[in-house]
């Protein structure tokens, strides 16, 4: 019996209804549809003609949703080889011209990507939950990465994290703007005081 591929669907915009393949749940954790809907409902038209960076790419579902809703370019970083293969295929199937999938460790590639961006972007961080083996210090490392982002480069930084984790009120020049809980996952929104 063939294993049925795991799929999710783009929920709104020009690619509404298009299927996105999901990597194996061993390597990544897919974002809930309700959480994705909430994020993009709060961004609304702000992302039209903007750049969206999904730092832990997985299937690319957030960046591809952003493109569907009018973003001009989406960048993805994914370390896991199998997940990257799925991500690359999703980008090719949905919008190859406006997607840039990068394979490698987010902590190594992100500073390089940041230095090549020529305009402000929306940054989405969805690291593996720290309860996974070898990931105990992941959130500390993510916070250090966020602190590197110059305020003139970020419209907004969103972190998807375990609801049991309380993130700091301030990360570098970014202050916690709001949080929204969805069961085991929470979205925390950060903005620069200089914006």
Protein backbone atom coordinates (compact mmCIF):
# COMPACT_ATOMS: atom_id res chain seq x y z
CA UNK A 1 0.00 0.00 0.00
CA UNK A 2 1.43 3.38 -1.03
CA UNK A 3 1.94 5.94 1.73
CA UNK A 4 -0.34 8.91 1.17
CA UNK A 5 1.66 12.13 1.00
CA UNK A 6 0.98 14.72 3.68
CA UNK A 7 -0.50 17.88 2.21
CA UNK A 8 -1.65 21.31 3.25
CA UNK A 9 -3.42 23.94 1.16
CA UNK A 10 -2.84 27.63 0.45
CA UNK A 11 -5.83 29.29 2.06
CA UNK A 12 -6.18 32.65 0.28
CA UNK A 13 -4.91 34.83 -2.53
CA UNK A 14 -3.83 34.09 -6.09
CA UNK A 15 -2.70 30.51 -5.33
CA UNK A 16 -5.69 29.67 -3.11
CA UNK A 17 -6.44 25.95 -3.11
CA UNK A 18 -2.99 24.91 -4.38
CA UNK A 19 -1.54 21.93 -2.53
CA UNK A 20 1.73 22.09 -0.61
CA UNK A 21 3.52 18.83 0.14
CA UNK A 22 4.66 18.44 3.75
CA UNK A 23 7.93 16.79 4.77
CA UNK A 24 7.93 13.79 7.08
CA UNK A 25 6.87 14.70 10.60
CA UNK A 26 10.16 13.22 11.82
CA UNK A 27 12.09 16.19 10.45
CA UNK A 28 9.64 19.09 10.76
CA UNK A 29 6.41 20.10 12.46
CA UNK A 30 3.71 21.58 10.27
CA UNK A 31 2.03 24.83 11.27
CA UNK A 32 -1.69 24.62 12.06
CA UNK A 33 -4.08 26.16 9.53
CA UNK A 34 -5.77 28.25 12.26
CA UNK A 35 -2.41 29.72 13.32
CA UNK A 36 -1.45 30.46 9.71
CA UNK A 37 -4.85 32.09 9.12
CA UNK A 38 -4.45 34.26 12.21
CA UNK A 39 -0.98 35.45 11.17
CA UNK A 40 -2.06 36.48 7.70
CA UNK A 41 -5.31 38.02 8.92
CA UNK A 42 -3.21 40.28 11.15
CA UNK A 43 -0.76 41.11 8.34
CA UNK A 44 -3.58 41.67 5.82
CA UNK A 45 -2.38 43.95 3.02
CA UNK A 46 0.83 44.97 4.79
CA UNK A 47 2.75 42.21 3.02
CA UNK A 48 1.74 43.23 -0.51
CA UNK A 49 4.93 43.91 -2.50
CA UNK A 50 7.06 43.08 0.54
CA UNK A 51 9.73 40.43 1.22
CA UNK A 52 8.93 37.48 3.51
CA UNK A 53 11.70 35.39 5.09
CA UNK A 54 10.85 31.97 6.57
CA UNK A 55 13.94 31.14 8.60
CA UNK A 56 13.16 27.48 9.39
CA UNK A 57 11.54 26.70 6.06
CA UNK A 58 10.06 23.22 6.41
CA UNK A 59 7.52 22.89 3.59
CA UNK A 60 7.57 26.64 2.91
CA UNK A 61 3.88 26.94 3.71
CA UNK A 62 4.16 30.37 5.39
CA UNK A 63 6.30 31.99 2.71
CA UNK A 64 4.18 30.52 -0.10
CA UNK A 65 1.03 31.77 1.62
CA UNK A 66 2.67 35.21 1.84
CA UNK A 67 3.38 35.15 -1.91
CA UNK A 68 -0.18 34.08 -2.62
CA UNK A 69 -1.37 37.11 -0.65
CA UNK A 70 0.81 39.55 -2.57
CA UNK A 71 4.37 39.43 -1.20
CA UNK A 72 6.92 40.07 -3.97
CA UNK A 73 9.61 37.57 -2.86
CA UNK A 74 9.97 34.78 -0.30
CA UNK A 75 13.21 33.35 1.08
CA UNK A 76 13.44 30.04 2.92
CA UNK A 77 16.23 28.35 4.87
CA UNK A 78 15.96 24.62 5.63
CA UNK A 79 18.67 22.36 7.03
CA UNK A 80 17.08 18.90 6.72
CA UNK A 81 17.87 17.40 3.31
CA UNK A 82 14.56 15.56 2.83
CA UNK A 83 12.55 18.60 3.98
CA UNK A 84 14.58 20.84 1.67
CA UNK A 85 13.79 18.60 -1.29
CA UNK A 86 10.05 18.97 -0.52
CA UNK A 87 10.45 22.74 -0.02
CA UNK A 88 12.28 23.16 -3.34
CA UNK A 89 9.59 21.19 -5.15
CA UNK A 90 6.80 23.27 -3.53
CA UNK A 91 8.53 26.50 -4.64
CA UNK A 92 8.89 25.15 -8.17
CA UNK A 93 5.25 24.04 -8.37
CA UNK A 94 3.77 27.26 -6.96
CA UNK A 95 6.00 30.23 -7.81
CA UNK A 96 9.57 29.42 -8.79
CA UNK A 97 10.32 32.96 -9.98
CA UNK A 98 9.59 34.66 -6.63
CA UNK A 99 11.04 32.06 -4.25
CA UNK A 100 14.61 31.53 -3.05
CA UNK A 101 15.05 28.25 -1.13
CA UNK A 102 18.42 27.93 0.63
CA UNK A 103 19.72 24.68 2.08
CA UNK A 104 21.76 24.78 5.25
CA UNK A 105 21.83 25.66 8.93
CA UNK A 106 19.68 28.73 9.65
CA UNK A 107 22.16 29.91 12.27
CA UNK A 108 24.95 29.99 9.67
CA UNK A 109 22.99 31.08 6.58
CA UNK A 110 20.72 33.72 8.08
CA UNK A 111 23.41 36.39 8.70
CA UNK A 112 24.56 35.97 5.07
CA UNK A 113 21.01 36.22 3.74
CA UNK A 114 20.42 39.28 5.91
CA UNK A 115 23.47 41.01 4.42
CA UNK A 116 22.13 40.46 0.87
CA UNK A 117 18.63 41.86 1.47
CA UNK A 118 18.19 45.31 -0.02
CA UNK A 119 14.85 46.19 1.54
CA UNK A 120 12.82 45.72 4.72
CA UNK A 121 11.30 42.29 5.26
CA UNK A 122 8.89 40.29 7.40
CA UNK A 123 10.77 37.59 9.33
CA UNK A 124 9.11 34.36 10.45
CA UNK A 125 10.94 32.08 12.89
CA UNK A 126 9.49 28.64 13.57
CA UNK A 127 12.37 26.63 15.07
CA UNK A 128 12.00 23.01 16.19
CA UNK A 129 10.48 22.87 19.67
CA UNK A 130 13.17 22.69 22.36
CA UNK A 131 11.69 19.45 23.72
CA UNK A 132 13.26 17.68 20.71
CA UNK A 133 16.56 15.91 21.29
CA UNK A 134 19.56 18.20 20.83
CA UNK A 135 17.36 21.32 20.60
CA UNK A 136 17.49 22.38 24.26
CA UNK A 137 19.20 25.72 23.53
CA UNK A 138 17.41 26.45 20.25
CA UNK A 139 15.35 29.40 21.50
CA UNK A 140 18.40 31.09 23.02
CA UNK A 141 20.14 30.77 19.66
CA UNK A 142 17.06 32.13 17.83
CA UNK A 143 16.93 35.17 20.13
CA UNK A 144 20.61 35.86 19.39
CA UNK A 145 19.87 35.63 15.66
CA UNK A 146 16.95 38.07 15.95
CA UNK A 147 19.12 40.54 17.87
CA UNK A 148 21.40 40.69 14.77
CA UNK A 149 18.62 42.11 12.55
CA UNK A 150 19.11 45.88 12.07
CA UNK A 151 15.86 47.77 12.80
CA UNK A 152 15.88 49.30 9.31
CA UNK A 153 15.62 45.75 7.88
CA UNK A 154 12.53 44.48 9.73
CA UNK A 155 8.88 45.46 9.43
CA UNK A 156 7.95 42.73 11.87
CA UNK A 157 9.43 39.60 13.45
CA UNK A 158 7.12 36.71 14.29
CA UNK A 159 8.17 33.69 16.34
CA UNK A 160 6.13 30.49 16.48
CA UNK A 161 7.02 28.68 19.70
CA UNK A 162 5.82 26.29 22.39
CA UNK A 163 3.06 27.90 24.44
CA UNK A 164 4.84 26.84 27.64
CA UNK A 165 7.77 29.11 26.74
CA UNK A 166 7.64 32.73 27.85
CA UNK A 167 9.74 34.86 25.53
CA UNK A 168 11.41 38.08 26.73
CA UNK A 169 9.63 41.41 26.44
CA UNK A 170 12.61 42.78 24.53
CA UNK A 171 15.05 41.17 22.05
CA UNK A 172 17.78 43.63 21.06
CA UNK A 173 15.92 46.67 19.65
CA UNK A 174 12.68 44.70 19.27
CA UNK A 175 9.82 44.86 21.76
CA UNK A 176 7.05 42.29 22.19
CA UNK A 177 4.00 43.71 20.45
CA UNK A 178 1.46 40.89 21.05
CA UNK A 179 1.11 37.15 21.56
CA UNK A 180 -1.58 34.78 20.36
CA UNK A 181 -1.96 31.24 21.68
CA UNK A 182 -3.20 28.23 19.67
CA UNK A 183 -3.08 25.18 21.94
CA UNK A 184 0.55 24.01 22.16
CA UNK A 185 1.79 26.72 19.80
CA UNK A 186 1.93 30.49 20.27
CA UNK A 187 2.78 33.35 17.93
CA UNK A 188 4.80 36.23 19.41
CA UNK A 189 5.07 39.44 17.39
CA UNK A 190 8.03 41.79 17.80
CA UNK A 191 8.49 45.29 16.39
CA UNK A 192 11.38 47.71 16.62
CA UNK A 193 10.86 50.76 18.82
CA UNK A 194 12.41 52.69 15.95
CA UNK A 195 9.66 51.73 13.44
